[in-house]
Amino acid sequence: YSFVPPATAGHGDGVRLKWADMPFDARQAEAR
């Protein structure tokens, strides 16, 4: 849910797609 792998040296915490925590069925509904 981010592009830079979390294990990368110097990677900042908390970077995520804003909808990452939505359940998948809710994401599908929003996508439609």
PDB file of all heavy atoms in Angstrom:
ATOM      1  N   TYR A   1       0.834  -1.202   0.000  1.00  0.00           N
ATOM      2  CA  TYR A   1       0.000   0.000   0.000  1.00  0.00           C
ATOM      3  C   TYR A   1       0.873   1.258   0.000  1.00  0.00           C
ATOM      4  O   TYR A   1       0.383   2.360   0.184  1.00  0.00           O
ATOM      5  CB  TYR A   1      -0.936  -0.015   1.203  1.00  0.00           C
ATOM      6  CG  TYR A   1      -1.935  -1.148   1.130  1.00  0.00           C
ATOM      7  CD1 TYR A   1      -1.734  -2.319   1.852  1.00  0.00           C
ATOM      8  CD2 TYR A   1      -3.056  -1.063   0.301  1.00  0.00           C
ATOM      9  CE1 TYR A   1      -2.644  -3.369   1.765  1.00  0.00           C
ATOM     10  CE2 TYR A   1      -3.968  -2.100   0.208  1.00  0.00           C
ATOM     11  CZ  TYR A   1      -3.757  -3.251   0.944  1.00  0.00           C
ATOM     12  OH  TYR A   1      -4.655  -4.292   0.855  1.00  0.00           O
ATOM     13  N   SER A   2       2.162   1.053  -0.210  1.00  0.00           N
ATOM     14  CA  SER A   2       3.100   2.138  -0.487  1.00  0.00           C
ATOM     15  C   SER A   2       4.000   1.638  -1.595  1.00  0.00           C
ATOM     16  O   SER A   2       3.957   0.449  -1.959  1.00  0.00           O
ATOM     17  CB  SER A   2       3.915   2.509   0.756  1.00  0.00           C
ATOM     18  OG  SER A   2       4.696   1.419   1.188  1.00  0.00           O
ATOM     19  N   PHE A   3       4.818   2.518  -2.166  1.00  0.00           N
ATOM     20  CA  PHE A   3       5.685   2.071  -3.256  1.00  0.00           C
ATOM     21  C   PHE A   3       7.080   1.723  -2.752  1.00  0.00           C
ATOM     22  O   PHE A   3       7.685   0.765  -3.206  1.00  0.00           O
ATOM     23  CB  PHE A   3       5.771   3.143  -4.348  1.00  0.00           C
ATOM     24  CG  PHE A   3       6.470   2.641  -5.587  1.00  0.00           C
ATOM     25  CD1 PHE A   3       5.868   1.677  -6.386  1.00  0.00           C
ATOM     26  CD2 PHE A   3       7.717   3.123  -5.941  1.00  0.00           C
ATOM     27  CE1 PHE A   3       6.507   1.191  -7.519  1.00  0.00           C
ATOM     28  CE2 PHE A   3       8.366   2.648  -7.077  1.00  0.00           C
ATOM     29  CZ  PHE A   3       7.759   1.679  -7.865  1.00  0.00           C
ATOM     30  N   VAL A   4       7.597   2.499  -1.819  1.00  0.00           N
ATOM     31  CA  VAL A   4       8.918   2.217  -1.259  1.00  0.00           C
ATOM     32  C   VAL A   4       8.773   1.102  -0.235  1.00  0.00           C
ATOM     33  O   VAL A   4       7.975   1.220   0.704  1.00  0.00           O
ATOM     34  CB  VAL A   4       9.520   3.479  -0.594  1.00  0.00           C
ATOM     35  CG1 VAL A   4      10.896   3.164  -0.001  1.00  0.00           C
ATOM     36  CG2 VAL A   4       9.616   4.622  -1.602  1.00  0.00           C
ATOM     37  N   PRO A   5       9.522  -0.004  -0.364  1.00  0.00           N
ATOM     38  CA  PRO A   5       9.423  -1.079   0.630  1.00  0.00           C
ATOM     39  C   PRO A   5       9.771  -0.562   2.027  1.00  0.00           C
ATOM     40  O   PRO A   5      10.714   0.214   2.196  1.00  0.00           O
ATOM     41  CB  PRO A   5      10.460  -2.101   0.143  1.00  0.00           C
ATOM     42  CG  PRO A   5      10.596  -1.844  -1.321  1.00  0.00           C
ATOM     43  CD  PRO A   5      10.424  -0.362  -1.477  1.00  0.00           C
ATOM     44  N   PRO A   6       9.022  -0.971   3.040  1.00  0.00           N
ATOM     45  CA  PRO A   6       9.255  -0.460   4.398  1.00  0.00           C
ATOM     46  C   PRO A   6      10.671  -0.705   4.910  1.00  0.00           C
ATOM     47  O   PRO A   6      11.160   0.040   5.757  1.00  0.00           O
ATOM     48  CB  PRO A   6       8.224  -1.221   5.235  1.00  0.00           C
ATOM     49  CG  PRO A   6       7.148  -1.585   4.265  1.00  0.00           C
ATOM     50  CD  PRO A   6       7.840  -1.832   2.968  1.00  0.00           C
ATOM     51  N   ALA A   7      11.350  -1.759   4.415  1.00  0.00           N
ATOM     52  CA  ALA A   7      12.690  -2.076   4.909  1.00  0.00           C
ATOM     53  C   ALA A   7      13.778  -1.189   4.315  1.00  0.00           C
ATOM     54  O   ALA A   7      14.940  -1.294   4.715  1.00  0.00           O
ATOM     55  CB  ALA A   7      13.021  -3.543   4.616  1.00  0.00           C
ATOM     56  N   THR A   8      13.427  -0.311   3.406  1.00  0.00           N
ATOM     57  CA  THR A   8      14.423   0.544   2.767  1.00  0.00           C
ATOM     58  C   THR A   8      15.040   1.496   3.775  1.00  0.00           C
ATOM     59  O   THR A   8      14.343   2.114   4.577  1.00  0.00           O
ATOM     60  CB  THR A   8      13.768   1.360   1.628  1.00  0.00           C
ATOM     61  OG1 THR A   8      13.071   0.463   0.753  1.00  0.00           O
ATOM     62  CG2 THR A   8      14.811   2.132   0.834  1.00  0.00           C
ATOM     63  N   ALA A   9      16.352   1.636   3.725  1.00  0.00           N
ATOM     64  CA  ALA A   9      17.053   2.554   4.628  1.00  0.00           C
ATOM     65  C   ALA A   9      16.545   3.974   4.422  1.00  0.00           C
ATOM     66  O   ALA A   9      16.421   4.443   3.289  1.00  0.00           O
ATOM     67  CB  ALA A   9      18.560   2.493   4.372  1.00  0.00           C
ATOM     68  N   GLY A  10      16.235   4.668   5.509  1.00  0.00           N
ATOM     69  CA  GLY A  10      15.788   6.051   5.419  1.00  0.00           C
ATOM     70  C   GLY A  10      14.351   6.230   4.989  1.00  0.00           C
ATOM     71  O   GLY A  10      13.939   7.342   4.637  1.00  0.00           O
ATOM     72  N   HIS A  11      13.550   5.151   5.016  1.00  0.00           N
ATOM     73  CA  HIS A  11      12.149   5.264   4.613  1.00  0.00           C
ATOM     74  C   HIS A  11      11.317   5.818   5.760  1.00  0.00           C
ATOM     75  O   HIS A  11      11.420   5.342   6.897  1.00  0.00           O
ATOM     76  CB  HIS A  11      11.603   3.898   4.200  1.00  0.00           C
ATOM     77  CG  HIS A  11      10.186   3.933   3.715  1.00  0.00           C
ATOM     78  ND1 HIS A  11       9.170   3.202   4.281  1.00  0.00           N
ATOM     79  CD2 HIS A  11       9.616   4.643   2.706  1.00  0.00           C
ATOM     80  CE1 HIS A  11       8.036   3.439   3.642  1.00  0.00           C
ATOM     81  NE2 HIS A  11       8.277   4.310   2.685  1.00  0.00           N
ATOM     82  N   GLY A  12      10.507   6.817   5.474  1.00  0.00           N
ATOM     83  CA  GLY A  12       9.656   7.412   6.505  1.00  0.00           C
ATOM     84  C   GLY A  12       8.486   6.525   6.872  1.00  0.00           C
ATOM     85  O   GLY A  12       7.984   5.759   6.047  1.00  0.00           O
ATOM     86  N   ASP A  13       8.042   6.617   8.110  1.00  0.00           N
ATOM     87  CA  ASP A  13       6.917   5.816   8.577  1.00  0.00           C
ATOM     88  C   ASP A  13       5.581   6.442   8.165  1.00  0.00           C
ATOM     89  O   ASP A  13       5.485   7.649   7.941  1.00  0.00           O
ATOM     90  CB  ASP A  13       6.952   5.698  10.105  1.00  0.00           C
ATOM     91  CG  ASP A  13       8.169   4.927  10.595  1.00  0.00           C
ATOM     92  OD1 ASP A  13       8.643   4.058   9.852  1.00  0.00           O
ATOM     93  OD2 ASP A  13       8.631   5.226  11.717  1.00  0.00           O
ATOM     94  N   GLY A  14       4.568   5.604   8.073  1.00  0.00           N
ATOM     95  CA  GLY A  14       3.200   6.091   7.915  1.00  0.00           C
ATOM     96  C   GLY A  14       2.764   6.411   6.507  1.00  0.00           C
ATOM     97  O   GLY A  14       1.646   6.882   6.298  1.00  0.00           O
ATOM     98  N   VAL A  15       3.592   6.157   5.507  1.00  0.00           N
ATOM     99  CA  VAL A  15       3.203   6.442   4.126  1.00  0.00           C
ATOM    100  C   VAL A  15       2.349   5.294   3.608  1.00  0.00           C
ATOM    101  O   VAL A  15       2.784   4.149   3.572  1.00  0.00           O
ATOM    102  CB  VAL A  15       4.453   6.629   3.239  1.00  0.00           C
ATOM    103  CG1 VAL A  15       4.036   6.920   1.808  1.00  0.00           C
ATOM    104  CG2 VAL A  15       5.345   7.729   3.777  1.00  0.00           C
ATOM    105  N   ARG A  16       1.104   5.606   3.205  1.00  0.00           N
ATOM    106  CA  ARG A  16       0.184   4.564   2.730  1.00  0.00           C
ATOM    107  C   ARG A  16      -0.858   5.181   1.815  1.00  0.00           C
ATOM    108  O   ARG A  16      -1.179   6.369   1.916  1.00  0.00           O
ATOM    109  CB  ARG A  16      -0.557   3.902   3.910  1.00  0.00           C
ATOM    110  CG  ARG A  16       0.266   2.897   4.680  1.00  0.00           C
ATOM    111  CD  ARG A  16      -0.393   2.520   5.988  1.00  0.00           C
ATOM    112  NE  ARG A  16      -1.651   1.797   5.850  1.00  0.00           N
ATOM    113  CZ  ARG A  16      -1.750   0.494   5.627  1.00  0.00           C
ATOM    114  NH1 ARG A  16      -0.650  -0.227   5.481  1.00  0.00           N
ATOM    115  NH2 ARG A  16      -2.910  -0.095   5.555  1.00  0.00           N
ATOM    116  N   LEU A  17      -1.380   4.373   0.924  1.00  0.00           N
ATOM    117  CA  LEU A  17      -2.567   4.775   0.188  1.00  0.00           C
ATOM    118  C   LEU A  17      -3.662   5.116   1.181  1.00  0.00           C
ATOM    119  O   LEU A  17      -3.887   4.384   2.151  1.00  0.00           O
ATOM    120  CB  LEU A  17      -3.016   3.648  -0.738  1.00  0.00           C
ATOM    121  CG  LEU A  17      -2.112   3.389  -1.953  1.00  0.00           C
ATOM    122  CD1 LEU A  17      -2.375   2.003  -2.528  1.00  0.00           C
ATOM    123  CD2 LEU A  17      -2.314   4.461  -3.016  1.00  0.00           C
ATOM    124  N   LYS A  18      -4.371   6.220   0.955  1.00  0.00           N
ATOM    125  CA  LYS A  18      -5.289   6.750   1.970  1.00  0.00           C
ATOM    126  C   LYS A  18      -6.453   5.820   2.270  1.00  0.00           C
ATOM    127  O   LYS A  18      -7.054   5.908   3.335  1.00  0.00           O
ATOM    128  CB  LYS A  18      -5.800   8.125   1.554  1.00  0.00           C
ATOM    129  CG  LYS A  18      -6.553   8.152   0.235  1.00  0.00           C
ATOM    130  CD  LYS A  18      -7.147   9.523  -0.034  1.00  0.00           C
ATOM    131  CE  LYS A  18      -6.131  10.615  -0.041  1.00  0.00           C
ATOM    132  NZ  LYS A  18      -6.691  11.945  -0.338  1.00  0.00           N
ATOM    133  N   TRP A  19      -6.777   4.925   1.350  1.00  0.00           N
ATOM    134  CA  TRP A  19      -7.897   4.015   1.553  1.00  0.00           C
ATOM    135  C   TRP A  19      -7.438   2.612   1.968  1.00  0.00           C
ATOM    136  O   TRP A  19      -8.225   1.650   1.964  1.00  0.00           O
ATOM    137  CB  TRP A  19      -8.720   3.911   0.262  1.00  0.00           C
ATOM    138  CG  TRP A  19      -7.874   3.789  -0.976  1.00  0.00           C
ATOM    139  CD1 TRP A  19      -7.507   4.787  -1.821  1.00  0.00           C
ATOM    140  CD2 TRP A  19      -7.258   2.592  -1.462  1.00  0.00           C
ATOM    141  NE1 TRP A  19      -6.695   4.294  -2.822  1.00  0.00           N
ATOM    142  CE2 TRP A  19      -6.533   2.945  -2.623  1.00  0.00           C
ATOM    143  CE3 TRP A  19      -7.240   1.267  -1.050  1.00  0.00           C
ATOM    144  CZ2 TRP A  19      -5.798   2.027  -3.368  1.00  0.00           C
ATOM    145  CZ3 TRP A  19      -6.503   0.340  -1.782  1.00  0.00           C
ATOM    146  CH2 TRP A  19      -5.808   0.723  -2.924  1.00  0.00           C
ATOM    147  N   ALA A  20      -6.173   2.453   2.337  1.00  0.00           N
ATOM    148  CA  ALA A  20      -5.577   1.127   2.545  1.00  0.00           C
ATOM    149  C   ALA A  20      -6.296   0.297   3.597  1.00  0.00           C
ATOM    150  O   ALA A  20      -6.292  -0.937   3.520  1.00  0.00           O
ATOM    151  CB  ALA A  20      -4.102   1.277   2.910  1.00  0.00           C
ATOM    152  N   ASP A  21      -6.897   0.919   4.581  1.00  0.00           N
ATOM    153  CA  ASP A  21      -7.510   0.163   5.683  1.00  0.00           C
ATOM    154  C   ASP A  21      -8.967  -0.218   5.427  1.00  0.00           C
ATOM    155  O   ASP A  21      -9.601  -0.859   6.280  1.00  0.00           O
ATOM    156  CB  ASP A  21      -7.402   0.958   6.984  1.00  0.00           C
ATOM    157  CG  ASP A  21      -5.955   1.140   7.437  1.00  0.00           C
ATOM    158  OD1 ASP A  21      -5.146   0.225   7.196  1.00  0.00           O
ATOM    159  OD2 ASP A  21      -5.644   2.210   7.997  1.00  0.00           O
ATOM    160  N   MET A  22      -9.514   0.157   4.275  1.00  0.00           N
ATOM    161  CA  MET A  22     -10.893  -0.212   3.964  1.00  0.00           C
ATOM    162  C   MET A  22     -10.990  -1.708   3.669  1.00  0.00           C
ATOM    163  O   MET A  22     -10.114  -2.277   3.007  1.00  0.00           O
ATOM    164  CB  MET A  22     -11.396   0.561   2.736  1.00  0.00           C
ATOM    165  CG  MET A  22     -11.583   2.050   2.950  1.00  0.00           C
ATOM    166  SD  MET A  22     -12.060   2.899   1.400  1.00  0.00           S
ATOM    167  CE  MET A  22     -13.658   2.137   1.058  1.00  0.00           C
ATOM    168  N   PRO A  23     -12.054  -2.396   4.127  1.00  0.00           N
ATOM    169  CA  PRO A  23     -12.273  -3.788   3.714  1.00  0.00           C
ATOM    170  C   PRO A  23     -12.418  -3.871   2.196  1.00  0.00           C
ATOM    171  O   PRO A  23     -12.865  -2.908   1.545  1.00  0.00           O
ATOM    172  CB  PRO A  23     -13.576  -4.172   4.421  1.00  0.00           C
ATOM    173  CG  PRO A  23     -13.725  -3.171   5.530  1.00  0.00           C
ATOM    174  CD  PRO A  23     -13.091  -1.908   5.034  1.00  0.00           C
ATOM    175  N   PHE A  24     -12.083  -5.024   1.630  1.00  0.00           N
ATOM    176  CA  PHE A  24     -12.066  -5.125   0.173  1.00  0.00           C
ATOM    177  C   PHE A  24     -13.452  -4.929  -0.428  1.00  0.00           C
ATOM    178  O   PHE A  24     -13.576  -4.284  -1.488  1.00  0.00           O
ATOM    179  CB  PHE A  24     -11.483  -6.477  -0.255  1.00  0.00           C
ATOM    180  CG  PHE A  24     -11.354  -6.600  -1.748  1.00  0.00           C
ATOM    181  CD1 PHE A  24     -10.554  -5.729  -2.477  1.00  0.00           C
ATOM    182  CD2 PHE A  24     -12.058  -7.584  -2.436  1.00  0.00           C
ATOM    183  CE1 PHE A  24     -10.453  -5.824  -3.857  1.00  0.00           C
ATOM    184  CE2 PHE A  24     -11.950  -7.696  -3.823  1.00  0.00           C
ATOM    185  CZ  PHE A  24     -11.147  -6.812  -4.529  1.00  0.00           C
ATOM    186  N   ASP A  25     -14.500  -5.427   0.201  1.00  0.00           N
ATOM    187  CA  ASP A  25     -15.835  -5.241  -0.385  1.00  0.00           C
ATOM    188  C   ASP A  25     -16.238  -3.771  -0.397  1.00  0.00           C
ATOM    189  O   ASP A  25     -16.885  -3.288  -1.344  1.00  0.00           O
ATOM    190  CB  ASP A  25     -16.882  -6.099   0.329  1.00  0.00           C
ATOM    191  CG  ASP A  25     -16.943  -5.834   1.828  1.00  0.00           C
ATOM    192  OD1 ASP A  25     -16.083  -5.096   2.356  1.00  0.00           O
ATOM    193  OD2 ASP A  25     -17.860  -6.382   2.482  1.00  0.00           O
ATOM    194  N   ALA A  26     -15.812  -3.023   0.635  1.00  0.00           N
ATOM    195  CA  ALA A  26     -16.088  -1.587   0.650  1.00  0.00           C
ATOM    196  C   ALA A  26     -15.277  -0.874  -0.427  1.00  0.00           C
ATOM    197  O   ALA A  26     -15.759   0.079  -1.055  1.00  0.00           O
ATOM    198  CB  ALA A  26     -15.767  -1.010   2.025  1.00  0.00           C
ATOM    199  N   ARG A  27     -14.059  -1.335  -0.660  1.00  0.00           N
ATOM    200  CA  ARG A  27     -13.243  -0.749  -1.731  1.00  0.00           C
ATOM    201  C   ARG A  27     -13.874  -1.007  -3.091  1.00  0.00           C
ATOM    202  O   ARG A  27     -13.892  -0.122  -3.965  1.00  0.00           O
ATOM    203  CB  ARG A  27     -11.833  -1.338  -1.677  1.00  0.00           C
ATOM    204  CG  ARG A  27     -10.980  -0.727  -0.572  1.00  0.00           C
ATOM    205  CD  ARG A  27      -9.742  -1.528  -0.245  1.00  0.00           C
ATOM    206  NE  ARG A  27      -9.094  -2.156  -1.379  1.00  0.00           N
ATOM    207  CZ  ARG A  27      -8.155  -3.087  -1.268  1.00  0.00           C
ATOM    208  NH1 ARG A  27      -7.785  -3.513  -0.063  1.00  0.00           N
ATOM    209  NH2 ARG A  27      -7.600  -3.603  -2.342  1.00  0.00           N
ATOM    210  N   GLN A  28     -14.381  -2.202  -3.300  1.00  0.00           N
ATOM    211  CA  GLN A  28     -15.032  -2.500  -4.576  1.00  0.00           C
ATOM    212  C   GLN A  28     -16.243  -1.590  -4.805  1.00  0.00           C
ATOM    213  O   GLN A  28     -16.442  -1.077  -5.916  1.00  0.00           O
ATOM    214  CB  GLN A  28     -15.481  -3.958  -4.605  1.00  0.00           C
ATOM    215  CG  GLN A  28     -14.349  -4.966  -4.787  1.00  0.00           C
ATOM    216  CD  GLN A  28     -14.885  -6.374  -4.832  1.00  0.00           C
ATOM    217  OE1 GLN A  28     -15.596  -6.807  -3.921  1.00  0.00           O
ATOM    218  NE2 GLN A  28     -14.560  -7.111  -5.885  1.00  0.00           N
ATOM    219  N   ALA A  29     -17.029  -1.396  -3.763  1.00  0.00           N
ATOM    220  CA  ALA A  29     -18.211  -0.537  -3.893  1.00  0.00           C
ATOM    221  C   ALA A  29     -17.794   0.897  -4.227  1.00  0.00           C
ATOM    222  O   ALA A  29     -18.407   1.551  -5.090  1.00  0.00           O
ATOM    223  CB  ALA A  29     -19.032  -0.574  -2.604  1.00  0.00           C
ATOM    224  N   GLU A  30     -16.770   1.381  -3.556  1.00  0.00           N
ATOM    225  CA  GLU A  30     -16.294   2.739  -3.832  1.00  0.00           C
ATOM    226  C   GLU A  30     -15.701   2.825  -5.234  1.00  0.00           C
ATOM    227  O   GLU A  30     -15.885   3.838  -5.935  1.00  0.00           O
ATOM    228  CB  GLU A  30     -15.258   3.145  -2.780  1.00  0.00           C
ATOM    229  CG  GLU A  30     -14.619   4.515  -3.003  1.00  0.00           C
ATOM    230  CD  GLU A  30     -15.597   5.682  -2.959  1.00  0.00           C
ATOM    231  OE1 GLU A  30     -16.776   5.466  -2.588  1.00  0.00           O
ATOM    232  OE2 GLU A  30     -15.181   6.814  -3.304  1.00  0.00           O
ATOM    233  N   ALA A  31     -15.022   1.776  -5.682  1.00  0.00           N
ATOM    234  CA  ALA A  31     -14.457   1.778  -7.031  1.00  0.00           C
ATOM    235  C   ALA A  31     -15.557   1.857  -8.083  1.00  0.00           C
ATOM    236  O   ALA A  31     -15.441   2.599  -9.076  1.00  0.00           O
ATOM    237  CB  ALA A  31     -13.612   0.522  -7.232  1.00  0.00           C
ATOM    238  N   ARG A  32     -16.652   1.116  -7.881  1.00  0.00           N
ATOM    239  CA  ARG A  32     -17.768   1.184  -8.836  1.00  0.00           C
ATOM    240  C   ARG A  32     -18.376   2.582  -8.853  1.00  0.00           C
ATOM    241  O   ARG A  32     -18.740   3.102  -9.912  1.00  0.00           O
ATOM    242  CB  ARG A  32     -18.827   0.139  -8.471  1.00  0.00           C
ATOM    243  CG  ARG A  32     -18.365  -1.296  -8.657  1.00  0.00           C
ATOM    244  CD  ARG A  32     -19.525  -2.274  -8.449  1.00  0.00           C
ATOM    245  NE  ARG A  32     -19.059  -3.656  -8.485  1.00  0.00           N
ATOM    246  CZ  ARG A  32     -18.767  -4.387  -7.408  1.00  0.00           C
ATOM    247  NH1 ARG A  32     -18.953  -3.860  -6.195  1.00  0.00           N
ATOM    248  NH2 ARG A  32     -18.344  -5.625  -7.531  1.00  0.00           N
TER     249      ARG A  32
END
